[in-house]
Amino acid sequence: MTLLESVRSETLREGSIPVLETKRLKMRAPRHGDVKAVATLANDRRIAENSARIPHPYGADDAAQWIASVNAQLNDHAGETAFVITLADGTLIGACGFGLLREGAPEIGYWLGSAYWGQGYATEAVHAVIDYAFDDCGHDALQAGARVTNPASRRVLEKCGFQWTGVGLYRIRALNSSAPIDRFRLDRGLWSSLKAWGMARRVV
């Protein structure tokens, strides 16, 4: 079974967004009860240095502020749509979402706790969120970025059909400086073609 065949959106909803289920994951709106788990996982310099907005150190107050700020203005697709990523047993392992953070198309972002790297979870989660952004939210394109020193994140985006568009500089909060970022874009038409022809790679 390909990744494209394994992803499905459930009709269950938590608050203003649905619960998404894939072959191995359940993705839902973050809750106040997730503060401790999010703070524990995200308080990792390797995660912060590969994201634009995650500070380091990252504590419970940071997690609570993030949870309170996302999924607040979804009727007009403004703000940030976010899901926490959990395993089948409910263990929280990371987060994924998208928002109008810069000019142009919404930007997708994701992170996983380091214990869950290299198992295909990020690709699986990003795939599900792309489906939601295009099919449920009606977006025509998505943007993404990955630090040029982070080939694993680049591979996730490429597996999901994103096309490289160039290099830019992003301010990295944890570094308190800017760093070069590979920029990517995925259009709805390409995504539809990939789904129609079953061209997505298997999760590894």
C-alpha atoms as a PDB file:
ATOM      1  CA  MET A   1       0.000   0.000   0.000  1.00  0.00           C
ATOM      2  CA  THR A   2       1.353   3.405  -0.912  1.00  0.00           C
ATOM      3  CA  LEU A   3       1.323   6.401   1.365  1.00  0.00           C
ATOM      4  CA  LEU A   4      -1.285   7.994  -0.852  1.00  0.00           C
ATOM      5  CA  GLU A   5      -3.611   5.056  -0.298  1.00  0.00           C
ATOM      6  CA  SER A   6      -3.076   4.986   3.450  1.00  0.00           C
ATOM      7  CA  VAL A   7      -4.017   8.565   4.364  1.00  0.00           C
ATOM      8  CA  ARG A   8      -7.622   9.374   5.142  1.00  0.00           C
ATOM      9  CA  SER A   9      -9.420  12.260   6.833  1.00  0.00           C
ATOM     10  CA  GLU A  10     -11.874  11.303   9.545  1.00  0.00           C
ATOM     11  CA  THR A  11     -15.117  13.149  10.187  1.00  0.00           C
ATOM     12  CA  LEU A  12     -14.294  13.439  13.896  1.00  0.00           C
ATOM     13  CA  ARG A  13     -13.518  16.993  14.966  1.00  0.00           C
ATOM     14  CA  GLU A  14     -11.764  18.529  17.940  1.00  0.00           C
ATOM     15  CA  GLY A  15     -12.771  22.154  18.257  1.00  0.00           C
ATOM     16  CA  SER A  16     -12.534  23.863  14.890  1.00  0.00           C
ATOM     17  CA  ILE A  17     -10.439  21.320  12.979  1.00  0.00           C
ATOM     18  CA  PRO A  18     -10.925  17.640  12.142  1.00  0.00           C
ATOM     19  CA  VAL A  19      -8.994  14.696  13.493  1.00  0.00           C
ATOM     20  CA  LEU A  20      -6.813  13.303  10.702  1.00  0.00           C
ATOM     21  CA  GLU A  21      -5.816   9.653  10.709  1.00  0.00           C
ATOM     22  CA  THR A  22      -3.106   7.929   8.701  1.00  0.00           C
ATOM     23  CA  LYS A  23      -1.868   4.372   8.752  1.00  0.00           C
ATOM     24  CA  ARG A  24       0.157   4.914  11.940  1.00  0.00           C
ATOM     25  CA  LEU A  25      -0.789   8.355  13.250  1.00  0.00           C
ATOM     26  CA  LYS A  26      -3.664  10.396  14.617  1.00  0.00           C
ATOM     27  CA  MET A  27      -3.473  14.171  14.274  1.00  0.00           C
ATOM     28  CA  ARG A  28      -5.721  16.453  16.290  1.00  0.00           C
ATOM     29  CA  ALA A  29      -5.975  19.979  17.645  1.00  0.00           C
ATOM     30  CA  PRO A  30      -3.565  20.665  20.510  1.00  0.00           C
ATOM     31  CA  ARG A  31      -5.153  20.816  23.971  1.00  0.00           C
ATOM     32  CA  HIS A  32      -4.138  22.448  27.221  1.00  0.00           C
ATOM     33  CA  GLY A  33      -3.315  18.979  28.523  1.00  0.00           C
ATOM     34  CA  ASP A  34      -0.574  18.694  25.871  1.00  0.00           C
ATOM     35  CA  VAL A  35       1.543  21.485  27.385  1.00  0.00           C
ATOM     36  CA  LYS A  36       3.943  19.220  29.279  1.00  0.00           C
ATOM     37  CA  ALA A  37       4.475  16.786  26.384  1.00  0.00           C
ATOM     38  CA  VAL A  38       4.983  19.572  23.832  1.00  0.00           C
ATOM     39  CA  ALA A  39       7.414  21.426  26.087  1.00  0.00           C
ATOM     40  CA  THR A  40       9.408  18.275  26.842  1.00  0.00           C
ATOM     41  CA  LEU A  41       9.770  17.295  23.185  1.00  0.00           C
ATOM     42  CA  ALA A  42      10.375  20.768  21.753  1.00  0.00           C
ATOM     43  CA  ASN A  43      12.987  21.733  24.355  1.00  0.00           C
ATOM     44  CA  ASP A  44      15.717  20.360  22.074  1.00  0.00           C
ATOM     45  CA  ARG A  45      18.217  22.707  20.475  1.00  0.00           C
ATOM     46  CA  ARG A  46      18.364  20.526  17.348  1.00  0.00           C
ATOM     47  CA  ILE A  47      14.643  21.135  16.773  1.00  0.00           C
ATOM     48  CA  ALA A  48      14.788  24.848  17.558  1.00  0.00           C
ATOM     49  CA  GLU A  49      17.770  25.508  15.302  1.00  0.00           C
ATOM     50  CA  ASN A  50      15.960  23.928  12.371  1.00  0.00           C
ATOM     51  CA  SER A  51      12.795  25.974  12.772  1.00  0.00           C
ATOM     52  CA  ALA A  52      12.169  29.679  12.379  1.00  0.00           C
ATOM     53  CA  ARG A  53      10.007  30.370  15.420  1.00  0.00           C
ATOM     54  CA  ILE A  54      10.737  27.824  18.162  1.00  0.00           C
ATOM     55  CA  PRO A  55      12.867  29.369  20.938  1.00  0.00           C
ATOM     56  CA  HIS A  56      15.471  27.555  22.981  1.00  0.00           C
ATOM     57  CA  PRO A  57      15.117  26.780  25.786  1.00  0.00           C
ATOM     58  CA  TYR A  58      11.434  25.935  25.302  1.00  0.00           C
ATOM     59  CA  GLY A  59       9.295  25.670  28.404  1.00  0.00           C
ATOM     60  CA  ALA A  60       5.718  25.112  29.514  1.00  0.00           C
ATOM     61  CA  ASP A  61       4.860  28.800  29.047  1.00  0.00           C
ATOM     62  CA  ASP A  62       6.019  28.631  25.417  1.00  0.00           C
ATOM     63  CA  ALA A  63       3.923  25.527  24.808  1.00  0.00           C
ATOM     64  CA  ALA A  64       0.860  27.062  26.452  1.00  0.00           C
ATOM     65  CA  GLN A  65       1.203  30.240  24.405  1.00  0.00           C
ATOM     66  CA  TRP A  66       1.483  28.241  21.164  1.00  0.00           C
ATOM     67  CA  ILE A  67      -1.548  26.096  21.989  1.00  0.00           C
ATOM     68  CA  ALA A  68      -3.618  29.180  22.823  1.00  0.00           C
ATOM     69  CA  SER A  69      -2.650  30.988  19.622  1.00  0.00           C
ATOM     70  CA  VAL A  70      -3.329  28.352  16.951  1.00  0.00           C
ATOM     71  CA  ASN A  71      -6.631  27.347  15.314  1.00  0.00           C
ATOM     72  CA  ALA A  72      -8.234  30.623  16.388  1.00  0.00           C
ATOM     73  CA  GLN A  73      -9.331  32.143  13.071  1.00  0.00           C
ATOM     74  CA  LEU A  74     -10.052  29.330  10.680  1.00  0.00           C
ATOM     75  CA  ASN A  75     -13.312  30.399   9.043  1.00  0.00           C
ATOM     76  CA  ASP A  76     -11.448  32.733   6.683  1.00  0.00           C
ATOM     77  CA  HIS A  77      -8.269  30.589   6.714  1.00  0.00           C
ATOM     78  CA  ALA A  78      -6.373  33.300   8.574  1.00  0.00           C
ATOM     79  CA  GLY A  79      -3.941  32.565  11.371  1.00  0.00           C
ATOM     80  CA  GLU A  80      -2.279  29.219  11.922  1.00  0.00           C
ATOM     81  CA  THR A  81      -3.856  25.778  11.600  1.00  0.00           C
ATOM     82  CA  ALA A  82      -2.016  23.273  13.790  1.00  0.00           C
ATOM     83  CA  PHE A  83      -2.213  19.608  14.682  1.00  0.00           C
ATOM     84  CA  VAL A  84      -0.313  17.616  17.260  1.00  0.00           C
ATOM     85  CA  ILE A  85       0.932  14.296  15.934  1.00  0.00           C
ATOM     86  CA  THR A  86       0.227  11.242  18.073  1.00  0.00           C
ATOM     87  CA  LEU A  87       0.830   7.523  17.730  1.00  0.00           C
ATOM     88  CA  ALA A  88      -2.044   5.065  17.825  1.00  0.00           C
ATOM     89  CA  ASP A  89      -1.669   4.754  21.617  1.00  0.00           C
ATOM     90  CA  GLY A  90      -2.015   8.526  22.054  1.00  0.00           C
ATOM     91  CA  THR A  91       1.671   9.282  22.609  1.00  0.00           C
ATOM     92  CA  LEU A  92       2.379  12.815  21.386  1.00  0.00           C
ATOM     93  CA  ILE A  93       5.439  12.886  19.113  1.00  0.00           C
ATOM     94  CA  GLY A  94       5.383  16.292  17.383  1.00  0.00           C
ATOM     95  CA  ALA A  95       3.324  18.863  15.519  1.00  0.00           C
ATOM     96  CA  CYS A  96       2.451  19.879  11.979  1.00  0.00           C
ATOM     97  CA  GLY A  97       0.446  22.706  10.489  1.00  0.00           C
ATOM     98  CA  PHE A  98       0.276  25.629   8.089  1.00  0.00           C
ATOM     99  CA  GLY A  99      -0.458  29.312   8.128  1.00  0.00           C
ATOM    100  CA  LEU A 100      -0.184  32.627   6.306  1.00  0.00           C
ATOM    101  CA  LEU A 101       3.139  33.490   7.886  1.00  0.00           C
ATOM    102  CA  ARG A 102       4.569  35.375   4.909  1.00  0.00           C
ATOM    103  CA  GLU A 103       3.306  36.805   1.638  1.00  0.00           C
ATOM    104  CA  GLY A 104       1.843  34.375  -0.853  1.00  0.00           C
ATOM    105  CA  ALA A 105       0.643  30.841  -0.223  1.00  0.00           C
ATOM    106  CA  PRO A 106       0.326  29.380   3.291  1.00  0.00           C
ATOM    107  CA  GLU A 107       3.506  27.822   4.648  1.00  0.00           C
ATOM    108  CA  ILE A 108       3.601  24.315   6.057  1.00  0.00           C
ATOM    109  CA  GLY A 109       5.809  23.465   9.009  1.00  0.00           C
ATOM    110  CA  TYR A 110       6.461  20.436  11.191  1.00  0.00           C
ATOM    111  CA  TRP A 111       8.685  19.041  13.902  1.00  0.00           C
ATOM    112  CA  LEU A 112       9.113  15.709  15.680  1.00  0.00           C
ATOM    113  CA  GLY A 113      10.727  14.753  18.959  1.00  0.00           C
ATOM    114  CA  SER A 114      14.196  13.395  18.253  1.00  0.00           C
ATOM    115  CA  ALA A 115      13.302   9.871  19.428  1.00  0.00           C
ATOM    116  CA  TYR A 116      10.912   9.634  16.468  1.00  0.00           C
ATOM    117  CA  TRP A 117      13.231  10.810  13.694  1.00  0.00           C
ATOM    118  CA  GLY A 118      14.042   8.557  10.743  1.00  0.00           C
ATOM    119  CA  GLN A 119      10.858   6.462  10.893  1.00  0.00           C
ATOM    120  CA  GLY A 120       8.779   8.152   8.199  1.00  0.00           C
ATOM    121  CA  TYR A 121       6.400   9.845  10.626  1.00  0.00           C
ATOM    122  CA  ALA A 122       7.083  13.353   9.340  1.00  0.00           C
ATOM    123  CA  THR A 123       6.331  12.373   5.738  1.00  0.00           C
ATOM    124  CA  GLU A 124       3.131  10.666   6.813  1.00  0.00           C
ATOM    125  CA  ALA A 125       1.981  13.664   8.849  1.00  0.00           C
ATOM    126  CA  VAL A 126       2.857  16.254   6.199  1.00  0.00           C
ATOM    127  CA  HIS A 127       1.020  14.236   3.576  1.00  0.00           C
ATOM    128  CA  ALA A 128      -2.164  14.264   5.658  1.00  0.00           C
ATOM    129  CA  VAL A 129      -1.936  18.000   6.320  1.00  0.00           C
ATOM    130  CA  ILE A 130      -1.424  18.712   2.607  1.00  0.00           C
ATOM    131  CA  ASP A 131      -4.619  16.796   1.844  1.00  0.00           C
ATOM    132  CA  TYR A 132      -6.453  18.837   4.451  1.00  0.00           C
ATOM    133  CA  ALA A 133      -5.076  22.154   3.190  1.00  0.00           C
ATOM    134  CA  PHE A 134      -6.056  21.445  -0.415  1.00  0.00           C
ATOM    135  CA  ASP A 135      -9.234  19.383  -0.067  1.00  0.00           C
ATOM    136  CA  ASP A 136     -10.861  20.878   3.028  1.00  0.00           C
ATOM    137  CA  CYS A 137      -9.475  24.407   3.125  1.00  0.00           C
ATOM    138  CA  GLY A 138      -9.384  25.054  -0.625  1.00  0.00           C
ATOM    139  CA  HIS A 139      -5.850  26.424  -0.838  1.00  0.00           C
ATOM    140  CA  ASP A 140      -4.252  26.422  -4.297  1.00  0.00           C
ATOM    141  CA  ALA A 141      -0.609  26.152  -3.214  1.00  0.00           C
ATOM    142  CA  LEU A 142       1.612  25.638  -0.188  1.00  0.00           C
ATOM    143  CA  GLN A 143       5.099  26.878   0.599  1.00  0.00           C
ATOM    144  CA  ALA A 144       7.741  25.273   2.806  1.00  0.00           C
ATOM    145  CA  GLY A 145      11.320  25.781   3.861  1.00  0.00           C
ATOM    146  CA  ALA A 146      14.171  23.688   5.204  1.00  0.00           C
ATOM    147  CA  ARG A 147      17.571  24.829   6.398  1.00  0.00           C
ATOM    148  CA  VAL A 148      20.237  23.947   3.875  1.00  0.00           C
ATOM    149  CA  THR A 149      21.968  22.028   6.684  1.00  0.00           C
ATOM    150  CA  ASN A 150      18.875  19.847   7.251  1.00  0.00           C
ATOM    151  CA  PRO A 151      18.720  17.264   4.443  1.00  0.00           C
ATOM    152  CA  ALA A 152      16.214  15.095   6.348  1.00  0.00           C
ATOM    153  CA  SER A 153      13.599  17.862   6.265  1.00  0.00           C
ATOM    154  CA  ARG A 154      14.302  18.464   2.596  1.00  0.00           C
ATOM    155  CA  ARG A 155      13.677  14.761   1.879  1.00  0.00           C
ATOM    156  CA  VAL A 156      10.316  14.945   3.647  1.00  0.00           C
ATOM    157  CA  LEU A 157       9.220  17.808   1.410  1.00  0.00           C
ATOM    158  CA  GLU A 158      10.476  16.120  -1.755  1.00  0.00           C
ATOM    159  CA  LYS A 159       8.675  12.877  -0.879  1.00  0.00           C
ATOM    160  CA  CYS A 160       5.478  14.895  -0.573  1.00  0.00           C
ATOM    161  CA  GLY A 161       5.899  16.456  -4.022  1.00  0.00           C
ATOM    162  CA  PHE A 162       7.278  19.872  -3.101  1.00  0.00           C
ATOM    163  CA  GLN A 163       9.442  21.488  -5.771  1.00  0.00           C
ATOM    164  CA  TRP A 164      12.575  23.479  -4.940  1.00  0.00           C
ATOM    165  CA  THR A 165      12.233  27.171  -5.856  1.00  0.00           C
ATOM    166  CA  GLY A 166      15.448  28.723  -4.550  1.00  0.00           C
ATOM    167  CA  VAL A 167      17.316  29.771  -1.428  1.00  0.00           C
ATOM    168  CA  GLY A 168      16.401  32.562   0.976  1.00  0.00           C
ATOM    169  CA  LEU A 169      17.428  33.865   4.386  1.00  0.00           C
ATOM    170  CA  TYR A 170      15.176  33.268   7.392  1.00  0.00           C
ATOM    171  CA  ARG A 171      15.506  34.629  10.877  1.00  0.00           C
ATOM    172  CA  ILE A 172      16.029  31.661  13.244  1.00  0.00           C
ATOM    173  CA  ARG A 173      14.780  32.619  16.680  1.00  0.00           C
ATOM    174  CA  ALA A 174      16.904  30.066  18.556  1.00  0.00           C
ATOM    175  CA  LEU A 175      20.068  31.325  16.839  1.00  0.00           C
ATOM    176  CA  ASN A 176      19.163  35.007  17.098  1.00  0.00           C
ATOM    177  CA  SER A 177      20.425  35.354  13.539  1.00  0.00           C
ATOM    178  CA  SER A 178      19.509  34.510   9.953  1.00  0.00           C
ATOM    179  CA  ALA A 179      20.373  31.306   8.102  1.00  0.00           C
ATOM    180  CA  PRO A 180      20.040  30.115   4.490  1.00  0.00           C
ATOM    181  CA  ILE A 181      16.850  28.181   3.783  1.00  0.00           C
ATOM    182  CA  ASP A 182      15.910  26.033   0.787  1.00  0.00           C
ATOM    183  CA  ARG A 183      12.476  27.198  -0.399  1.00  0.00           C
ATOM    184  CA  PHE A 184       9.825  24.833  -1.803  1.00  0.00           C
ATOM    185  CA  ARG A 185       6.354  25.079  -3.322  1.00  0.00           C
ATOM    186  CA  LEU A 186       3.578  22.587  -4.036  1.00  0.00           C
ATOM    187  CA  ASP A 187       0.626  23.480  -6.281  1.00  0.00           C
ATOM    188  CA  ARG A 188      -2.767  21.830  -6.057  1.00  0.00           C
ATOM    189  CA  GLY A 189      -2.532  20.622  -9.677  1.00  0.00           C
ATOM    190  CA  LEU A 190       0.720  18.766  -9.096  1.00  0.00           C
ATOM    191  CA  TRP A 191      -0.599  17.249  -5.883  1.00  0.00           C
ATOM    192  CA  SER A 192      -3.732  16.041  -7.689  1.00  0.00           C
ATOM    193  CA  SER A 193      -1.574  14.478 -10.403  1.00  0.00           C
ATOM    194  CA  LEU A 194       0.606  12.714  -7.849  1.00  0.00           C
ATOM    195  CA  LYS A 195      -2.471  11.300  -6.158  1.00  0.00           C
ATOM    196  CA  ALA A 196      -4.081  10.255  -9.436  1.00  0.00           C
ATOM    197  CA  TRP A 197      -0.977   8.409 -10.607  1.00  0.00           C
ATOM    198  CA  GLY A 198       0.029   7.013  -7.220  1.00  0.00           C
ATOM    199  CA  MET A 199       3.534   8.463  -7.497  1.00  0.00           C
ATOM    200  CA  ALA A 200       4.195   9.123  -3.800  1.00  0.00           C
ATOM    201  CA  ARG A 201       6.949   7.011  -2.302  1.00  0.00           C
ATOM    202  CA  ARG A 202       6.308   4.502   0.454  1.00  0.00           C
ATOM    203  CA  VAL A 203       6.939   5.581   4.004  1.00  0.00           C
ATOM    204  CA  VAL A 204      10.251   4.149   5.175  1.00  0.00           C
END
